[in-house]
Every structure is written in structure tokens, then in C-alpha cells.
């Protein structure tokens, strides 16, 4: 019966990981939290009852653990996103073309840069092309984008 419970934990964990939404800025920690939470919750649930009750407790523990783990992983990434958003705002609002704004989260060690690469006006608004580089857990990703100033003065990434 224990083997059946472990197989169920692994299967539910894999299914939950496959169902997570892909968000390049948030996924690594959120997915890891979801999977680890599912495994931990499933193992705890497997300790309750026997027979069909144990399987139900294992399933419930897996789902609850996945939800809690995903929320923990997501909240950790919010700080990284806030640092990156502030650097992006500074780069778009204040930096001359070619001058980078940098950010670093001292708690996670993740960091990045945002560099405006071109500034221009359309008939409707001011726009800036930019390059954003982010390093998460030693893995570097670079994205090229465009942001334009909205009528209310905020920048909107296109």
C-alpha cells in the first residue's frame, strides 16, 4: 500500500507540474515550490488512514501541498519582479539610449539589467526599444522589447 501511495504522489506531482502556467519570470521557483509542496503534502497524507481513506488523504495532501508550495514560490519571485520593474522604469524614464539600469535581489542573488536601445516618437506617443537581461540561478535570459508612454504618463510594454 505504501508503494501505491508513493506512485500516486509522484504521478500527481508530475501532473501538477505539467499544469503550471508558464511565466518566464516566475516559473522556476513557483514550479519547484509546487512540486516540492505536492511531494511533501502527499507524503504526509499517505501517513493517514488505510485503504481508500489513505489514497484520498494522499491525494488531498498532494493537492494542498502543491497549492501552498506554489504560493510560496510565487511570493519569493515577487521581490525579483519588483526590483526588475523599478530598474525598467528608471531605464525608460531617465536613462539615455545605451545606458543600463541594473537590479539585484540580495535575498535570492538574482540580478539583471535594462538598457534602452532606441528612442523615437510615433504619431501618438513616445516609445523606447530596450534590451532586458535577467540572471536567475545562474541562467541568463535576454529579451528585446518596446515600451511606449501611455496618455497617463505610464510606460506600457508592447
N, C-alpha and C. Protein backbone atom coordinates (compact mmCIF):
# COMPACT_ATOMS: atom_id res chain seq x y z
N UNK A 1 0.81 -1.19 0.00
CA UNK A 1 0.00 0.00 0.00
C UNK A 1 0.86 1.26 0.00
N UNK A 2 1.97 1.22 0.73
CA UNK A 2 2.87 2.39 0.76
C UNK A 2 3.43 2.66 -0.64
N UNK A 3 3.76 1.59 -1.36
CA UNK A 3 4.28 1.75 -2.71
C UNK A 3 3.23 2.41 -3.60
N UNK A 4 1.99 2.01 -3.47
CA UNK A 4 0.89 2.60 -4.25
C UNK A 4 0.77 4.09 -3.93
N UNK A 5 0.89 4.44 -2.65
CA UNK A 5 0.79 5.84 -2.25
C UNK A 5 1.93 6.64 -2.84
N UNK A 6 3.15 6.09 -2.85
CA UNK A 6 4.29 6.80 -3.40
C UNK A 6 4.15 7.00 -4.91
N UNK A 7 3.63 5.99 -5.59
CA UNK A 7 3.40 6.11 -7.03
C UNK A 7 2.36 7.19 -7.30
N UNK A 8 1.32 7.24 -6.47
CA UNK A 8 0.28 8.26 -6.63
C UNK A 8 0.85 9.66 -6.38
N UNK A 9 1.69 9.80 -5.38
CA UNK A 9 2.32 11.10 -5.10
C UNK A 9 3.14 11.55 -6.30
N UNK A 10 3.95 10.66 -6.84
CA UNK A 10 4.78 11.01 -7.99
C UNK A 10 3.93 11.38 -9.20
N UNK A 11 2.88 10.62 -9.44
CA UNK A 11 2.01 10.90 -10.59
C UNK A 11 1.30 12.24 -10.44
N UNK A 12 0.74 12.50 -9.26
CA UNK A 12 0.05 13.77 -9.04
C UNK A 12 1.02 14.95 -9.10
N UNK A 13 2.22 14.77 -8.59
CA UNK A 13 3.23 15.83 -8.64
C UNK A 13 3.57 16.15 -10.09
N UNK A 14 3.76 15.13 -10.90
CA UNK A 14 4.08 15.34 -12.31
C UNK A 14 2.93 16.02 -13.03
N UNK A 15 1.71 15.59 -12.76
CA UNK A 15 0.55 16.22 -13.38
C UNK A 15 0.43 17.68 -12.98
N UNK A 16 0.63 17.99 -11.71
CA UNK A 16 0.54 19.37 -11.25
C UNK A 16 1.64 20.23 -11.86
N UNK A 17 2.83 19.70 -11.99
CA UNK A 17 3.91 20.47 -12.60
C UNK A 17 3.60 20.75 -14.07
N UNK A 18 2.98 19.79 -14.75
CA UNK A 18 2.63 19.98 -16.15
C UNK A 18 1.52 21.00 -16.32
N UNK A 19 0.71 21.22 -15.29
CA UNK A 19 -0.41 22.15 -15.38
C UNK A 19 -0.05 23.57 -14.98
N UNK A 20 1.17 23.81 -14.51
CA UNK A 20 1.50 25.16 -14.08
C UNK A 20 1.58 26.07 -15.28
N UNK A 21 1.17 27.31 -15.11
CA UNK A 21 1.20 28.30 -16.16
C UNK A 21 2.64 28.73 -16.41
N UNK A 22 3.02 28.86 -17.68
CA UNK A 22 4.37 29.26 -17.99
C UNK A 22 4.50 30.77 -17.92
N UNK A 23 5.29 31.23 -16.98
CA UNK A 23 5.63 32.64 -16.82
C UNK A 23 7.14 32.69 -16.72
N UNK A 24 7.83 33.16 -17.78
CA UNK A 24 9.29 33.09 -17.78
C UNK A 24 9.94 33.76 -16.58
N UNK A 25 9.29 34.77 -16.01
CA UNK A 25 9.90 35.44 -14.87
C UNK A 25 9.62 34.74 -13.56
N UNK A 26 8.60 33.94 -13.48
CA UNK A 26 8.22 33.38 -12.19
C UNK A 26 8.32 31.87 -12.12
N UNK A 27 8.35 31.18 -13.23
CA UNK A 27 8.16 29.74 -13.22
C UNK A 27 9.16 28.94 -12.42
N UNK A 28 10.46 29.17 -12.48
CA UNK A 28 11.36 28.23 -11.81
C UNK A 28 11.05 28.03 -10.33
N UNK A 29 10.92 29.09 -9.57
CA UNK A 29 10.67 28.95 -8.14
C UNK A 29 9.25 28.48 -7.87
N UNK A 30 8.29 28.98 -8.63
CA UNK A 30 6.91 28.58 -8.40
C UNK A 30 6.72 27.11 -8.73
N UNK A 31 7.30 26.66 -9.83
CA UNK A 31 7.17 25.24 -10.20
C UNK A 31 7.87 24.36 -9.17
N UNK A 32 9.06 24.76 -8.75
CA UNK A 32 9.77 23.97 -7.74
C UNK A 32 8.97 23.92 -6.45
N UNK A 33 8.41 25.06 -6.05
CA UNK A 33 7.59 25.08 -4.84
C UNK A 33 6.37 24.18 -4.98
N UNK A 34 5.74 24.22 -6.16
CA UNK A 34 4.56 23.38 -6.39
C UNK A 34 4.91 21.90 -6.29
N UNK A 35 5.97 21.50 -6.96
CA UNK A 35 6.36 20.08 -6.97
C UNK A 35 6.78 19.63 -5.57
N UNK A 36 7.64 20.42 -4.92
CA UNK A 36 8.09 20.02 -3.59
C UNK A 36 6.94 20.01 -2.59
N UNK A 37 6.04 20.99 -2.70
CA UNK A 37 4.87 21.01 -1.83
C UNK A 37 3.97 19.81 -2.08
N UNK A 38 3.81 19.42 -3.34
CA UNK A 38 2.98 18.26 -3.67
C UNK A 38 3.59 16.98 -3.09
N UNK A 39 4.89 16.85 -3.23
CA UNK A 39 5.55 15.65 -2.69
C UNK A 39 5.42 15.60 -1.17
N UNK A 40 5.73 16.73 -0.51
CA UNK A 40 5.63 16.78 0.95
C UNK A 40 4.22 16.54 1.44
N UNK A 41 3.25 17.21 0.79
CA UNK A 41 1.85 17.03 1.19
C UNK A 41 1.38 15.61 0.95
N UNK A 42 1.81 15.02 -0.17
CA UNK A 42 1.42 13.65 -0.46
C UNK A 42 2.01 12.67 0.54
N UNK A 43 3.26 12.89 0.92
CA UNK A 43 3.89 12.00 1.91
C UNK A 43 3.18 12.11 3.26
N UNK A 44 2.83 13.33 3.65
CA UNK A 44 2.09 13.50 4.90
C UNK A 44 0.71 12.84 4.82
N UNK A 45 0.04 13.05 3.70
CA UNK A 45 -1.28 12.45 3.53
C UNK A 45 -1.25 10.94 3.53
N UNK A 46 -0.15 10.36 3.03
CA UNK A 46 -0.02 8.90 2.97
C UNK A 46 0.10 8.28 4.36
N UNK A 47 0.41 9.09 5.36
CA UNK A 47 0.54 8.58 6.73
C UNK A 47 -0.81 8.45 7.44
N UNK A 48 -1.86 8.96 6.79
CA UNK A 48 -3.19 8.97 7.42
C UNK A 48 -4.03 7.80 6.92
N UNK A 49 -4.67 7.09 7.81
CA UNK A 49 -5.64 6.05 7.45
C UNK A 49 -5.04 4.88 6.72
N UNK A 50 -5.96 4.07 6.11
CA UNK A 50 -5.54 2.94 5.31
C UNK A 50 -6.57 2.71 4.22
N UNK A 51 -6.21 1.93 3.22
CA UNK A 51 -7.12 1.61 2.12
C UNK A 51 -7.51 2.86 1.33
N UNK A 52 -8.82 2.94 0.97
CA UNK A 52 -9.32 4.06 0.18
C UNK A 52 -9.15 5.39 0.91
N UNK A 53 -9.26 5.39 2.23
CA UNK A 53 -9.07 6.60 3.02
C UNK A 53 -7.65 7.12 2.90
N UNK A 54 -6.69 6.20 2.86
CA UNK A 54 -5.30 6.62 2.73
C UNK A 54 -5.05 7.23 1.34
N UNK A 55 -5.64 6.63 0.32
CA UNK A 55 -5.49 7.18 -1.03
C UNK A 55 -6.11 8.57 -1.13
N UNK A 56 -7.27 8.75 -0.53
CA UNK A 56 -7.91 10.06 -0.53
C UNK A 56 -7.07 11.08 0.23
N UNK A 57 -6.53 10.69 1.37
CA UNK A 57 -5.68 11.59 2.16
C UNK A 57 -4.41 11.93 1.40
N UNK A 58 -3.85 10.96 0.69
CA UNK A 58 -2.66 11.21 -0.12
C UNK A 58 -2.96 12.21 -1.22
N UNK A 59 -4.07 12.02 -1.92
CA UNK A 59 -4.47 12.94 -2.99
C UNK A 59 -4.70 14.35 -2.44
N UNK A 60 -5.44 14.44 -1.34
CA UNK A 60 -5.71 15.74 -0.74
C UNK A 60 -4.42 16.41 -0.27
N UNK A 61 -3.55 15.65 0.37
CA UNK A 61 -2.27 16.20 0.82
C UNK A 61 -1.42 16.69 -0.34
N UNK A 62 -1.45 15.94 -1.44
CA UNK A 62 -0.68 16.34 -2.62
C UNK A 62 -1.21 17.66 -3.18
N UNK A 63 -2.51 17.77 -3.32
CA UNK A 63 -3.11 19.00 -3.86
C UNK A 63 -2.88 20.20 -2.95
N UNK A 64 -3.10 20.01 -1.67
CA UNK A 64 -2.91 21.12 -0.73
C UNK A 64 -1.44 21.52 -0.67
N UNK A 65 -0.56 20.54 -0.61
CA UNK A 65 0.88 20.83 -0.60
C UNK A 65 1.33 21.55 -1.86
N UNK A 66 0.79 21.15 -3.02
CA UNK A 66 1.14 21.81 -4.28
C UNK A 66 0.70 23.26 -4.27
N UNK A 67 -0.50 23.51 -3.79
CA UNK A 67 -1.01 24.88 -3.74
C UNK A 67 -0.15 25.74 -2.81
N UNK A 68 0.13 25.25 -1.61
CA UNK A 68 0.94 26.02 -0.65
C UNK A 68 2.35 26.24 -1.21
N UNK A 69 2.96 25.20 -1.75
CA UNK A 69 4.31 25.33 -2.31
C UNK A 69 4.37 26.30 -3.47
N UNK A 70 3.36 26.28 -4.33
CA UNK A 70 3.30 27.22 -5.46
C UNK A 70 3.18 28.66 -4.99
N UNK A 71 2.37 28.87 -3.96
CA UNK A 71 2.20 30.23 -3.42
C UNK A 71 3.50 30.73 -2.80
N UNK A 72 4.21 29.87 -2.09
CA UNK A 72 5.49 30.27 -1.50
C UNK A 72 6.48 30.63 -2.61
N UNK A 73 6.58 29.78 -3.62
CA UNK A 73 7.49 30.05 -4.73
C UNK A 73 7.14 31.33 -5.46
N UNK A 74 5.83 31.57 -5.66
CA UNK A 74 5.39 32.77 -6.35
C UNK A 74 5.72 34.02 -5.55
N UNK A 75 5.53 33.98 -4.24
CA UNK A 75 5.80 35.17 -3.42
C UNK A 75 7.29 35.49 -3.40
N UNK A 76 8.14 34.48 -3.45
CA UNK A 76 9.57 34.76 -3.49
C UNK A 76 9.94 35.49 -4.78
N UNK A 77 9.30 35.16 -5.88
CA UNK A 77 9.59 35.80 -7.15
C UNK A 77 9.04 37.21 -7.25
N UNK A 78 8.08 37.56 -6.44
CA UNK A 78 7.53 38.91 -6.49
C UNK A 78 8.60 39.95 -6.19
N UNK A 79 9.48 39.66 -5.26
CA UNK A 79 10.56 40.60 -4.93
C UNK A 79 11.47 40.80 -6.13
N UNK A 80 11.83 39.72 -6.82
CA UNK A 80 12.65 39.84 -8.02
C UNK A 80 11.96 40.72 -9.06
N UNK A 81 10.67 40.48 -9.26
CA UNK A 81 9.92 41.27 -10.25
C UNK A 81 9.86 42.75 -9.87
N UNK A 82 9.70 43.04 -8.58
CA UNK A 82 9.67 44.43 -8.15
C UNK A 82 11.00 45.13 -8.43
N UNK A 83 12.11 44.45 -8.13
CA UNK A 83 13.42 45.03 -8.44
C UNK A 83 13.55 45.27 -9.95
N UNK A 84 13.15 44.30 -10.76
CA UNK A 84 13.26 44.43 -12.21
C UNK A 84 12.34 45.54 -12.73
N UNK A 85 11.13 45.65 -12.19
CA UNK A 85 10.21 46.69 -12.63
C UNK A 85 10.76 48.08 -12.32
N UNK A 86 11.35 48.26 -11.16
CA UNK A 86 11.92 49.56 -10.81
C UNK A 86 13.07 49.91 -11.74
N UNK A 87 13.93 48.94 -12.05
CA UNK A 87 15.04 49.18 -12.98
C UNK A 87 14.52 49.52 -14.38
N UNK A 88 13.45 48.85 -14.79
CA UNK A 88 12.86 49.12 -16.10
C UNK A 88 12.30 50.53 -16.16
N UNK A 89 11.57 50.92 -15.14
CA UNK A 89 11.02 52.28 -15.08
C UNK A 89 12.15 53.31 -15.14
N UNK A 90 13.20 53.11 -14.35
CA UNK A 90 14.32 54.05 -14.33
C UNK A 90 14.97 54.14 -15.71
N UNK A 91 15.19 52.99 -16.35
CA UNK A 91 15.82 52.97 -17.67
C UNK A 91 14.97 53.70 -18.70
N UNK A 92 13.67 53.43 -18.71
CA UNK A 92 12.79 54.04 -19.71
C UNK A 92 12.58 55.52 -19.45
N UNK A 93 12.47 55.89 -18.20
CA UNK A 93 12.13 57.26 -17.83
C UNK A 93 13.33 58.19 -17.83
N UNK A 94 14.49 57.70 -17.40
CA UNK A 94 15.61 58.60 -17.14
C UNK A 94 16.88 58.34 -17.94
N UNK A 95 17.12 57.10 -18.35
CA UNK A 95 18.43 56.77 -18.93
C UNK A 95 18.52 57.19 -20.40
N UNK A 96 19.68 57.73 -20.78
CA UNK A 96 19.91 57.95 -22.21
C UNK A 96 20.04 56.61 -22.92
N UNK A 97 19.83 56.62 -24.22
CA UNK A 97 19.97 55.40 -25.01
C UNK A 97 21.37 54.81 -24.80
N UNK A 98 21.42 53.51 -24.54
CA UNK A 98 22.68 52.81 -24.34
C UNK A 98 23.15 52.73 -22.90
N UNK A 99 22.43 53.39 -21.98
CA UNK A 99 22.84 53.38 -20.57
C UNK A 99 21.93 52.42 -19.79
N UNK A 100 22.54 51.43 -19.14
CA UNK A 100 21.79 50.38 -18.46
C UNK A 100 21.40 50.80 -17.04
N UNK A 101 20.26 50.30 -16.60
CA UNK A 101 19.87 50.30 -15.19
C UNK A 101 20.01 48.87 -14.71
N UNK A 102 20.54 48.68 -13.52
CA UNK A 102 20.74 47.33 -13.00
C UNK A 102 19.90 47.12 -11.76
N UNK A 103 19.64 45.86 -11.47
CA UNK A 103 18.95 45.49 -10.24
C UNK A 103 19.56 44.20 -9.70
N UNK A 104 19.45 44.02 -8.41
CA UNK A 104 19.93 42.80 -7.75
C UNK A 104 19.07 42.57 -6.53
N UNK A 105 18.59 41.35 -6.37
CA UNK A 105 17.85 40.97 -5.17
C UNK A 105 18.86 40.32 -4.22
N UNK A 106 19.19 40.98 -3.11
CA UNK A 106 20.20 40.42 -2.21
C UNK A 106 19.75 39.12 -1.54
N UNK A 107 18.45 38.89 -1.48
CA UNK A 107 17.95 37.67 -0.84
C UNK A 107 18.09 36.45 -1.73
N UNK A 108 17.90 36.62 -3.04
CA UNK A 108 17.95 35.48 -3.96
C UNK A 108 19.25 35.42 -4.76
N UNK A 109 19.93 36.56 -4.89
CA UNK A 109 21.11 36.62 -5.73
C UNK A 109 20.80 36.83 -7.20
N UNK A 110 19.51 36.87 -7.56
CA UNK A 110 19.13 37.10 -8.94
C UNK A 110 19.38 38.57 -9.28
N UNK A 111 19.70 38.84 -10.56
CA UNK A 111 20.00 40.20 -10.96
C UNK A 111 19.72 40.38 -12.44
N UNK A 112 19.81 41.63 -12.89
CA UNK A 112 19.58 41.90 -14.30
C UNK A 112 19.88 43.33 -14.67
N UNK A 113 19.73 43.62 -15.96
CA UNK A 113 19.92 44.96 -16.49
C UNK A 113 18.80 45.27 -17.47
N UNK A 114 18.53 46.56 -17.62
CA UNK A 114 17.59 47.04 -18.63
C UNK A 114 18.29 48.20 -19.33
N UNK A 115 18.42 48.10 -20.66
CA UNK A 115 19.13 49.12 -21.43
C UNK A 115 18.25 49.62 -22.56
N UNK A 116 17.91 50.90 -22.56
CA UNK A 116 17.20 51.46 -23.72
C UNK A 116 18.13 51.43 -24.94
N UNK A 117 17.63 50.95 -26.07
CA UNK A 117 18.47 50.83 -27.26
C UNK A 117 18.08 51.80 -28.37
N UNK A 118 16.87 52.36 -28.29
CA UNK A 118 16.42 53.32 -29.30
C UNK A 118 15.26 54.10 -28.72
N UNK A 119 15.23 55.40 -29.00
CA UNK A 119 14.14 56.26 -28.55
C UNK A 119 13.53 56.91 -29.78
N UNK A 120 12.20 56.91 -29.87
CA UNK A 120 11.55 57.51 -31.04
C UNK A 120 10.13 57.91 -30.69
N UNK A 121 9.52 58.70 -31.57
CA UNK A 121 8.14 59.15 -31.39
C UNK A 121 7.29 58.60 -32.52
N UNK A 122 6.11 58.13 -32.18
CA UNK A 122 5.12 57.79 -33.19
C UNK A 122 4.18 58.98 -33.27
N UNK A 123 3.17 58.88 -34.11
CA UNK A 123 2.20 59.97 -34.21
C UNK A 123 1.47 60.17 -32.89
N UNK A 124 1.37 59.11 -32.08
CA UNK A 124 0.57 59.17 -30.87
C UNK A 124 1.37 59.28 -29.58
N UNK A 125 2.61 58.75 -29.53
CA UNK A 125 3.31 58.69 -28.25
C UNK A 125 4.81 58.47 -28.39
N UNK A 126 5.52 58.65 -27.27
CA UNK A 126 6.96 58.39 -27.19
C UNK A 126 7.17 56.90 -26.95
N UNK A 127 8.16 56.33 -27.61
CA UNK A 127 8.45 54.91 -27.45
C UNK A 127 9.95 54.69 -27.28
N UNK A 128 10.28 53.57 -26.65
CA UNK A 128 11.68 53.19 -26.48
C UNK A 128 11.80 51.68 -26.67
N UNK A 129 12.77 51.29 -27.50
CA UNK A 129 13.14 49.89 -27.57
C UNK A 129 14.13 49.65 -26.44
N UNK A 130 14.16 48.42 -25.92
CA UNK A 130 15.07 48.12 -24.81
C UNK A 130 15.49 46.66 -24.87
N UNK A 131 16.59 46.39 -24.17
CA UNK A 131 17.07 45.01 -24.00
C UNK A 131 17.12 44.75 -22.51
N UNK A 132 16.50 43.65 -22.10
CA UNK A 132 16.49 43.29 -20.68
C UNK A 132 17.17 41.94 -20.53
N UNK A 133 18.14 41.90 -19.62
CA UNK A 133 18.86 40.66 -19.32
C UNK A 133 18.60 40.32 -17.86
N UNK A 134 18.22 39.08 -17.60
CA UNK A 134 17.94 38.61 -16.25
C UNK A 134 18.73 37.34 -16.00
N UNK A 135 19.35 37.26 -14.82
CA UNK A 135 20.10 36.06 -14.43
C UNK A 135 19.42 35.49 -13.19
N UNK A 136 18.84 34.30 -13.34
CA UNK A 136 18.15 33.60 -12.26
C UNK A 136 18.83 32.26 -12.06
N UNK A 137 19.31 32.02 -10.86
CA UNK A 137 20.00 30.77 -10.55
C UNK A 137 21.11 30.47 -11.54
N UNK A 138 21.85 31.50 -11.96
CA UNK A 138 22.97 31.33 -12.87
C UNK A 138 22.59 31.21 -14.34
N UNK A 139 21.31 31.18 -14.66
CA UNK A 139 20.86 31.06 -16.04
C UNK A 139 20.48 32.43 -16.57
N UNK A 140 21.11 32.85 -17.67
CA UNK A 140 20.85 34.17 -18.24
C UNK A 140 19.84 34.10 -19.37
N UNK A 141 18.89 35.03 -19.34
CA UNK A 141 17.90 35.17 -20.40
C UNK A 141 17.90 36.63 -20.84
N UNK A 142 17.82 36.86 -22.15
CA UNK A 142 17.77 38.21 -22.69
C UNK A 142 16.51 38.36 -23.52
N UNK A 143 15.83 39.48 -23.31
CA UNK A 143 14.60 39.78 -24.02
C UNK A 143 14.73 41.16 -24.64
N UNK A 144 14.26 41.31 -25.86
CA UNK A 144 14.24 42.60 -26.52
C UNK A 144 12.78 43.02 -26.61
N UNK A 145 12.49 44.27 -26.25
CA UNK A 145 11.10 44.71 -26.25
C UNK A 145 10.97 46.18 -26.60
N UNK A 146 9.73 46.62 -26.63
CA UNK A 146 9.39 48.02 -26.89
C UNK A 146 8.38 48.45 -25.86
N UNK A 147 8.56 49.66 -25.36
CA UNK A 147 7.60 50.25 -24.43
C UNK A 147 7.24 51.63 -24.94
N UNK A 148 5.97 52.00 -24.79
CA UNK A 148 5.51 53.32 -25.20
C UNK A 148 4.80 53.99 -24.04
N UNK A 149 4.93 55.31 -23.98
CA UNK A 149 4.30 56.07 -22.91
C UNK A 149 2.81 56.20 -23.19
N UNK A 150 2.01 55.86 -22.20
CA UNK A 150 0.57 55.98 -22.29
C UNK A 150 0.15 57.44 -22.03
N UNK A 151 -1.07 57.80 -22.38
CA UNK A 151 -1.52 59.18 -22.12
C UNK A 151 -1.44 59.58 -20.65
N UNK A 152 -1.55 58.62 -19.74
CA UNK A 152 -1.47 58.95 -18.30
C UNK A 152 -0.03 59.05 -17.80
N UNK A 153 0.97 58.89 -18.69
CA UNK A 153 2.36 59.04 -18.32
C UNK A 153 3.07 57.75 -17.97
N UNK A 154 2.36 56.64 -17.85
CA UNK A 154 2.99 55.36 -17.53
C UNK A 154 3.55 54.74 -18.81
N UNK A 155 4.49 53.80 -18.61
CA UNK A 155 5.06 53.06 -19.74
C UNK A 155 4.34 51.73 -19.89
N UNK A 156 4.01 51.39 -21.12
CA UNK A 156 3.36 50.11 -21.40
C UNK A 156 4.25 49.30 -22.33
N UNK A 157 4.63 48.12 -21.91
CA UNK A 157 5.45 47.25 -22.74
C UNK A 157 4.54 46.61 -23.78
N UNK A 158 4.98 46.72 -25.04
CA UNK A 158 4.17 46.18 -26.14
C UNK A 158 4.53 44.74 -26.42
